Each structure stands twice: as C-alpha cells, then as structure tokens.
Amino acid sequence: MKPLEILVDDLKSETITSQELVDQALASIKAKNHDIFALLEVYEDEARSQAKASDERRAEGKPLSDIDGVPVVLNASGQALVHSP
C-alpha cells in the first residue's frame, strides 16, 4: 500500500475509490495472512459496505474526514495500523 498521504490524495482526486482500496487490501490479506497469521478475523462484508458508504459520501462532497475510506487494520491490542498488510 501507498503512504497515507498518497492514499488521501488519490481518494480526493478520484484516482481510486475506497471500494478499490478495500479490494486491494483484502487481496493482500488473502495472499499473505495464511503464511504470517497477522489477522485473526477479517470482516470482508463490513469492509466492503463501509467502503461503498464512504464512496457515496465523497460523491456527495461530504466525507467524514480526509481519511474517510482508507482501509484500517487493528491489531490484537487495538492499535490502529492505517495501512493494510
């Protein structure tokens, strides 16, 4: 994944959608997690649903924040990792 600042710029400029970012993140998780066991649970349906809602907010010019739509992973301690593995 790209640095956060680039992802935010890409979303703002409509170079990519949140749904596309989530698809990329989920593909990366599927490709790697079976070897590294970094994630205990993956909420694919919820991630896709939230990405769709984010894209709709952006289309209306009403994102919740600059990072609205950027996929986030939480580790077991609850710390946010802004970039997906």
N, C-alpha and C. Protein backbone atom coordinates (compact mmCIF):
# COMPACT_ATOMS: atom_id res chain seq x y z
N MET A 1 0.83 -1.19 0.00
CA MET A 1 0.00 0.00 0.00
C MET A 1 0.87 1.25 0.00
N LYS A 2 0.30 2.28 -0.52
CA LYS A 2 0.99 3.57 -0.57
C LYS A 2 0.93 4.26 0.79
N PRO A 3 1.76 5.27 1.01
CA PRO A 3 1.68 6.05 2.25
C PRO A 3 0.30 6.71 2.39
N LEU A 4 -0.10 6.96 3.61
CA LEU A 4 -1.41 7.53 3.91
C LEU A 4 -1.67 8.81 3.12
N GLU A 5 -0.69 9.70 3.06
CA GLU A 5 -0.89 10.98 2.38
C GLU A 5 -1.24 10.78 0.90
N ILE A 6 -0.62 9.79 0.28
CA ILE A 6 -0.88 9.50 -1.13
C ILE A 6 -2.28 8.90 -1.29
N LEU A 7 -2.66 8.00 -0.39
CA LEU A 7 -3.99 7.41 -0.45
C LEU A 7 -5.07 8.48 -0.30
N VAL A 8 -4.86 9.41 0.61
CA VAL A 8 -5.81 10.50 0.81
C VAL A 8 -5.91 11.35 -0.46
N ASP A 9 -4.76 11.69 -1.04
CA ASP A 9 -4.76 12.47 -2.29
C ASP A 9 -5.46 11.70 -3.41
N ASP A 10 -5.21 10.41 -3.50
CA ASP A 10 -5.83 9.59 -4.55
C ASP A 10 -7.35 9.56 -4.39
N LEU A 11 -7.82 9.45 -3.15
CA LEU A 11 -9.26 9.46 -2.90
C LEU A 11 -9.86 10.82 -3.25
N LYS A 12 -9.20 11.89 -2.83
CA LYS A 12 -9.69 13.25 -3.12
C LYS A 12 -9.74 13.53 -4.61
N SER A 13 -8.74 13.06 -5.34
CA SER A 13 -8.67 13.32 -6.78
C SER A 13 -9.46 12.29 -7.60
N GLU A 14 -10.07 11.35 -6.90
CA GLU A 14 -10.85 10.28 -7.53
C GLU A 14 -10.01 9.40 -8.45
N THR A 15 -8.71 9.32 -8.15
CA THR A 15 -7.83 8.39 -8.85
C THR A 15 -8.19 6.96 -8.51
N ILE A 16 -8.72 6.77 -7.31
CA ILE A 16 -9.12 5.45 -6.82
C ILE A 16 -10.31 5.64 -5.89
N THR A 17 -11.10 4.59 -5.74
CA THR A 17 -12.23 4.64 -4.81
C THR A 17 -11.88 3.86 -3.55
N SER A 18 -12.65 4.10 -2.52
CA SER A 18 -12.46 3.32 -1.30
C SER A 18 -12.73 1.84 -1.56
N GLN A 19 -13.71 1.57 -2.41
CA GLN A 19 -14.02 0.17 -2.72
C GLN A 19 -12.83 -0.52 -3.39
N GLU A 20 -12.13 0.20 -4.25
CA GLU A 20 -10.94 -0.37 -4.88
C GLU A 20 -9.82 -0.57 -3.87
N LEU A 21 -9.66 0.38 -2.94
CA LEU A 21 -8.64 0.23 -1.90
C LEU A 21 -8.93 -0.98 -1.02
N VAL A 22 -10.19 -1.16 -0.67
CA VAL A 22 -10.57 -2.30 0.17
C VAL A 22 -10.34 -3.61 -0.59
N ASP A 23 -10.69 -3.64 -1.86
CA ASP A 23 -10.44 -4.85 -2.66
C ASP A 23 -8.94 -5.18 -2.69
N GLN A 24 -8.10 -4.15 -2.85
CA GLN A 24 -6.65 -4.36 -2.85
C GLN A 24 -6.18 -4.89 -1.49
N ALA A 25 -6.68 -4.28 -0.43
CA ALA A 25 -6.28 -4.70 0.92
C ALA A 25 -6.71 -6.14 1.19
N LEU A 26 -7.94 -6.47 0.82
CA LEU A 26 -8.43 -7.83 1.05
C LEU A 26 -7.65 -8.85 0.22
N ALA A 27 -7.30 -8.49 -0.99
CA ALA A 27 -6.48 -9.40 -1.82
C ALA A 27 -5.12 -9.62 -1.18
N SER A 28 -4.53 -8.56 -0.64
CA SER A 28 -3.24 -8.69 0.03
C SER A 28 -3.35 -9.57 1.27
N ILE A 29 -4.41 -9.37 2.02
CA ILE A 29 -4.63 -10.19 3.22
C ILE A 29 -4.77 -11.66 2.84
N LYS A 30 -5.58 -11.93 1.82
CA LYS A 30 -5.78 -13.32 1.38
C LYS A 30 -4.48 -13.96 0.90
N ALA A 31 -3.65 -13.17 0.26
CA ALA A 31 -2.40 -13.70 -0.29
C ALA A 31 -1.35 -13.96 0.79
N LYS A 32 -1.38 -13.18 1.88
CA LYS A 32 -0.30 -13.25 2.85
C LYS A 32 -0.67 -13.81 4.22
N ASN A 33 -1.91 -13.65 4.62
CA ASN A 33 -2.26 -13.96 6.00
C ASN A 33 -2.09 -15.43 6.35
N HIS A 34 -2.27 -16.33 5.39
CA HIS A 34 -2.13 -17.75 5.69
C HIS A 34 -0.68 -18.12 6.04
N ASP A 35 0.27 -17.28 5.63
CA ASP A 35 1.68 -17.53 5.96
C ASP A 35 2.12 -16.84 7.24
N ILE A 36 1.57 -15.66 7.50
CA ILE A 36 2.04 -14.87 8.64
C ILE A 36 1.05 -14.80 9.80
N PHE A 37 -0.19 -15.19 9.57
CA PHE A 37 -1.22 -15.21 10.61
C PHE A 37 -1.29 -13.88 11.38
N ALA A 38 -1.25 -12.79 10.66
CA ALA A 38 -1.27 -11.47 11.28
C ALA A 38 -2.68 -11.07 11.74
N LEU A 39 -3.68 -11.57 11.05
CA LEU A 39 -5.05 -11.18 11.37
C LEU A 39 -5.86 -12.39 11.80
N LEU A 40 -6.51 -12.27 12.94
CA LEU A 40 -7.32 -13.36 13.45
C LEU A 40 -8.69 -13.38 12.78
N GLU A 41 -9.22 -12.19 12.49
CA GLU A 41 -10.53 -12.07 11.88
C GLU A 41 -10.47 -11.00 10.79
N VAL A 42 -11.18 -11.24 9.71
CA VAL A 42 -11.28 -10.28 8.62
C VAL A 42 -12.76 -10.11 8.31
N TYR A 43 -13.23 -8.89 8.35
CA TYR A 43 -14.64 -8.59 8.13
C TYR A 43 -14.85 -8.04 6.72
N GLU A 44 -14.82 -8.95 5.76
CA GLU A 44 -14.88 -8.55 4.34
C GLU A 44 -16.17 -7.82 4.00
N ASP A 45 -17.31 -8.39 4.38
CA ASP A 45 -18.59 -7.78 4.03
C ASP A 45 -18.72 -6.38 4.64
N GLU A 46 -18.33 -6.25 5.89
CA GLU A 46 -18.42 -4.96 6.56
C GLU A 46 -17.47 -3.95 5.92
N ALA A 47 -16.28 -4.40 5.56
CA ALA A 47 -15.30 -3.51 4.92
C ALA A 47 -15.84 -3.01 3.59
N ARG A 48 -16.41 -3.90 2.81
CA ARG A 48 -16.96 -3.50 1.51
C ARG A 48 -18.15 -2.56 1.67
N SER A 49 -18.99 -2.84 2.65
CA SER A 49 -20.15 -1.99 2.90
C SER A 49 -19.73 -0.59 3.33
N GLN A 50 -18.75 -0.53 4.22
CA GLN A 50 -18.26 0.78 4.68
C GLN A 50 -17.54 1.53 3.56
N ALA A 51 -16.83 0.81 2.70
CA ALA A 51 -16.16 1.45 1.57
C ALA A 51 -17.18 2.05 0.61
N LYS A 52 -18.25 1.31 0.36
CA LYS A 52 -19.31 1.82 -0.52
C LYS A 52 -19.93 3.08 0.07
N ALA A 53 -20.20 3.07 1.36
CA ALA A 53 -20.78 4.24 2.03
C ALA A 53 -19.81 5.43 1.96
N SER A 54 -18.52 5.17 2.13
CA SER A 54 -17.53 6.24 2.03
C SER A 54 -17.51 6.83 0.64
N ASP A 55 -17.53 5.98 -0.38
CA ASP A 55 -17.54 6.47 -1.76
C ASP A 55 -18.79 7.32 -2.03
N GLU A 56 -19.91 6.92 -1.47
CA GLU A 56 -21.14 7.70 -1.65
C GLU A 56 -21.03 9.06 -0.97
N ARG A 57 -20.44 9.09 0.23
CA ARG A 57 -20.24 10.38 0.92
C ARG A 57 -19.32 11.28 0.12
N ARG A 58 -18.24 10.71 -0.39
CA ARG A 58 -17.30 11.51 -1.20
C ARG A 58 -17.99 12.05 -2.45
N ALA A 59 -18.83 11.24 -3.08
CA ALA A 59 -19.53 11.68 -4.29
C ALA A 59 -20.47 12.85 -3.99
N GLU A 60 -20.97 12.88 -2.75
CA GLU A 60 -21.84 13.98 -2.33
C GLU A 60 -21.05 15.16 -1.77
N GLY A 61 -19.70 15.02 -1.74
CA GLY A 61 -18.87 16.08 -1.18
C GLY A 61 -18.93 16.17 0.33
N LYS A 62 -19.26 15.04 0.98
CA LYS A 62 -19.43 15.03 2.43
C LYS A 62 -18.63 13.93 3.12
N PRO A 63 -17.33 13.80 2.82
CA PRO A 63 -16.56 12.77 3.54
C PRO A 63 -16.52 13.10 5.03
N LEU A 64 -16.42 12.07 5.85
CA LEU A 64 -16.36 12.27 7.30
C LEU A 64 -15.06 12.94 7.73
N SER A 65 -13.99 12.68 6.98
CA SER A 65 -12.67 13.25 7.26
C SER A 65 -11.80 13.02 6.04
N ASP A 66 -10.58 13.52 6.09
CA ASP A 66 -9.66 13.29 4.97
C ASP A 66 -9.36 11.82 4.77
N ILE A 67 -9.36 11.04 5.85
CA ILE A 67 -9.01 9.62 5.74
C ILE A 67 -10.24 8.73 5.58
N ASP A 68 -11.41 9.32 5.45
CA ASP A 68 -12.63 8.54 5.22
C ASP A 68 -12.43 7.67 3.97
N GLY A 69 -12.53 6.37 4.14
CA GLY A 69 -12.39 5.44 3.02
C GLY A 69 -11.06 4.74 2.94
N VAL A 70 -10.11 5.11 3.78
CA VAL A 70 -8.81 4.44 3.79
C VAL A 70 -8.94 3.18 4.66
N PRO A 71 -8.61 2.00 4.12
CA PRO A 71 -8.71 0.78 4.93
C PRO A 71 -7.79 0.83 6.15
N VAL A 72 -8.31 0.29 7.25
CA VAL A 72 -7.56 0.28 8.52
C VAL A 72 -7.57 -1.14 9.08
N VAL A 73 -6.46 -1.53 9.67
CA VAL A 73 -6.35 -2.82 10.34
C VAL A 73 -6.07 -2.55 11.81
N LEU A 74 -6.76 -3.26 12.70
CA LEU A 74 -6.49 -3.17 14.13
C LEU A 74 -5.80 -4.45 14.57
N ASN A 75 -4.73 -4.28 15.34
CA ASN A 75 -4.08 -5.49 15.86
C ASN A 75 -4.75 -5.89 17.17
N ALA A 76 -4.32 -6.98 17.75
CA ALA A 76 -4.97 -7.53 18.93
C ALA A 76 -5.01 -6.57 20.11
N SER A 77 -4.07 -5.64 20.17
CA SER A 77 -4.06 -4.68 21.28
C SER A 77 -4.97 -3.51 21.02
N GLY A 78 -5.58 -3.46 19.83
CA GLY A 78 -6.48 -2.37 19.49
C GLY A 78 -5.79 -1.18 18.85
N GLN A 79 -4.49 -1.28 18.60
CA GLN A 79 -3.77 -0.19 17.95
C GLN A 79 -4.09 -0.19 16.47
N ALA A 80 -4.34 1.00 15.92
CA ALA A 80 -4.69 1.11 14.50
C ALA A 80 -3.43 1.11 13.65
N LEU A 81 -3.48 0.34 12.59
CA LEU A 81 -2.45 0.35 11.56
C LEU A 81 -3.14 0.88 10.32
N VAL A 82 -2.80 2.09 9.90
CA VAL A 82 -3.55 2.74 8.84
C VAL A 82 -3.39 2.03 7.51
N HIS A 83 -2.27 1.39 7.30
CA HIS A 83 -2.03 0.68 6.05
C HIS A 83 -2.33 -0.80 6.23
N SER A 84 -2.92 -1.41 5.23
CA SER A 84 -3.18 -2.84 5.27
C SER A 84 -1.90 -3.60 4.98
N PRO A 85 -1.82 -4.86 5.46
CA PRO A 85 -0.58 -5.63 5.21
C PRO A 85 -0.40 -5.95 3.74
